[in-house]
Protein backbone atom coordinates (compact mmCIF):
# COMPACT_ATOMS: atom_id res chain seq x y z
CA UNK A 1 -0.22 0.62 0.12
CA UNK A 2 1.28 3.76 -0.93
CA UNK A 3 2.09 5.42 1.82
CA UNK A 4 -0.33 8.63 2.31
CA UNK A 5 0.59 12.33 1.72
CA UNK A 6 -0.46 14.99 3.35
CA UNK A 7 -0.59 18.51 2.53
CA UNK A 8 0.92 21.20 4.15
CA UNK A 9 -0.61 24.98 4.55
CA UNK A 10 1.38 27.10 6.77
CA UNK A 11 -1.47 29.74 7.21
CA UNK A 12 -1.54 33.44 9.44
CA UNK A 13 -3.78 35.47 10.93
CA UNK A 14 -6.03 36.18 13.75
CA UNK A 15 -7.64 33.82 16.51
CA UNK A 16 -11.99 34.38 15.89
CA UNK A 17 -12.93 32.48 18.29
CA UNK A 18 -11.59 31.40 22.00
CA UNK A 19 -10.47 27.60 22.14
CA UNK A 20 -12.91 25.40 23.22
CA UNK A 21 -10.82 22.23 24.41
CA UNK A 22 -12.00 18.59 25.21
CA UNK A 23 -9.73 16.25 26.81
CA UNK A 24 -9.68 12.07 24.52
CA UNK A 25 -7.96 10.18 26.89
CA UNK A 26 -4.32 11.51 28.13
CA UNK A 27 -4.21 14.46 25.56
CA UNK A 28 -6.11 18.06 25.31
CA UNK A 29 -6.51 19.10 21.66
CA UNK A 30 -7.70 23.03 21.27
CA UNK A 31 -9.89 23.55 18.41
CA UNK A 32 -10.22 27.65 17.35
CA UNK A 33 -11.48 29.95 14.20
CA UNK A 34 -8.82 31.28 12.30
CA UNK A 35 -9.07 33.87 9.38
CA UNK A 36 -7.06 34.28 6.98
CA UNK A 37 -7.82 37.63 4.86
CA UNK A 38 -6.93 37.94 1.56
CA UNK A 39 -7.00 41.22 -0.75
CA UNK A 40 -8.52 41.24 -3.93
CA UNK A 41 -9.17 44.10 -6.15
CA UNK A 42 -12.88 45.08 -7.08
CA UNK A 43 -13.97 47.63 -9.51
CA UNK A 44 -10.48 49.67 -9.26
CA UNK A 45 -10.17 49.20 -5.02
CA UNK A 46 -8.64 46.51 -2.50
CA UNK A 47 -10.91 45.21 -0.76
CA UNK A 48 -11.00 42.17 2.55
CA UNK A 49 -11.56 38.88 1.19
CA UNK A 50 -11.73 37.27 4.43
CA UNK A 51 -11.22 33.20 4.54
CA UNK A 52 -12.25 31.91 8.50
CA UNK A 53 -11.01 28.29 8.74
CA UNK A 54 -11.22 25.96 12.06
CA UNK A 55 -7.85 24.97 13.01
CA UNK A 56 -7.71 21.43 16.11
CA UNK A 57 -4.49 21.35 17.56
CA UNK A 58 -2.94 18.58 20.04
CA UNK A 59 -2.24 20.96 23.48
CA UNK A 60 1.21 20.65 25.17
CA UNK A 61 1.67 20.33 28.99
CA UNK A 62 2.26 23.89 28.02
CA UNK A 63 -0.20 25.61 26.41
CA UNK A 64 -2.15 27.42 28.05
CA UNK A 65 -6.13 27.76 26.17
CA UNK A 66 -6.27 30.89 27.36
CA UNK A 67 -3.69 32.28 25.11
CA UNK A 68 -4.69 30.84 22.30
CA UNK A 69 -8.18 34.34 22.72
CA UNK A 70 -10.12 36.13 19.97
CA UNK A 71 -8.06 38.62 18.19
CA UNK A 72 -4.67 37.19 18.72
CA UNK A 73 -1.75 37.33 15.82
CA UNK A 74 -0.93 33.71 15.05
CA UNK A 75 0.51 31.72 12.31
CA UNK A 76 -0.14 27.70 11.91
CA UNK A 77 2.07 25.21 10.42
CA UNK A 78 -0.81 22.56 9.71
CA UNK A 79 -1.77 19.86 7.32
CA UNK A 80 -4.63 19.70 5.30
CA UNK A 81 -7.63 17.34 6.63
CA UNK A 82 -11.15 17.35 4.75
CA UNK A 83 -13.71 15.17 7.35
CA UNK A 84 -16.87 13.84 5.23
CA UNK A 85 -20.26 13.01 6.12
CA UNK A 86 -23.18 12.25 5.08
CA UNK A 87 -26.77 14.73 6.41
CA UNK A 88 -28.72 13.44 8.62
CA UNK A 89 -31.96 15.19 7.70
CA UNK A 90 -30.83 15.75 3.98
CA UNK A 91 -28.78 12.75 3.16
CA UNK A 92 -26.53 13.94 0.87
CA UNK A 93 -22.63 13.94 1.44
CA UNK A 94 -21.30 16.65 3.27
CA UNK A 95 -18.16 17.27 4.24
CA UNK A 96 -16.36 20.34 5.10
CA UNK A 97 -11.81 21.25 5.84
CA UNK A 98 -9.81 21.80 8.85
CA UNK A 99 -6.26 22.12 9.11
CA UNK A 100 -4.70 19.73 11.47
CA UNK A 101 -2.04 21.92 13.82
CA UNK A 102 1.22 20.86 13.76
CA UNK A 103 2.94 23.91 14.98
CA UNK A 104 1.19 27.85 16.77
CA UNK A 105 3.56 30.64 17.07
CA UNK A 106 2.03 33.73 18.83
CA UNK A 107 3.50 36.73 16.77
CA UNK A 108 2.54 39.34 18.46
CA UNK A 109 2.62 39.74 22.32
CA UNK A 110 -0.86 36.84 24.33
CA UNK A 111 0.68 38.97 27.08
CA UNK A 112 -1.67 41.41 28.25
CA UNK A 113 0.81 43.11 30.62
CA UNK A 114 3.17 43.60 27.56
CA UNK A 115 6.48 40.75 29.89
CA UNK A 116 5.90 38.43 26.68
CA UNK A 117 6.46 40.17 23.19
CA UNK A 118 7.19 38.82 19.99
CA UNK A 119 7.23 35.69 19.11
CA UNK A 120 6.31 32.38 21.14
CA UNK A 121 6.35 29.00 19.14
CA UNK A 122 3.52 26.44 20.86
CA UNK A 123 3.84 22.83 19.42
CA UNK A 124 6.63 20.97 17.85
CA UNK A 125 8.42 23.91 17.46
CA UNK A 126 9.94 24.63 20.53
CA UNK A 127 12.97 27.13 21.41
CA UNK A 128 15.87 24.86 23.49
CA UNK A 129 19.04 26.93 24.71
CA UNK A 130 21.17 24.44 23.00
CA UNK A 131 21.61 21.06 22.17
CA UNK A 132 21.40 18.90 26.50
CA UNK A 133 17.86 20.15 26.48
CA UNK A 134 16.45 18.47 23.43
CA UNK A 135 14.20 16.31 24.57
CA UNK A 136 15.49 13.24 22.57
């Protein structure tokens, strides 16, 4: 059987809905919506063309769900996933694309007191001082 390939997406935008967290065994899974703003020219004028997409993210021990709040600017490295189901009422096949985030980088402060400006990374983008800190 051939190895499945996934489509990798790197996208930035603002969180448009606070993170919801659910427990699945020993894992915490966060879910939030992201608004990525494209611009397009209409009748000679540039107009915003926002795109909203759902993001799911396996939270690590150091991730704080409160940091993933509405309005925060993030960059996401993710796999594109398509959920498919049959609508219970109409019986029609339905589908929805979402992102399964591997890494979420905060591109502006998540600390309202201003003590933590700049880029922070959650997930696989951990920063280490030297190689002895790497956990493998």
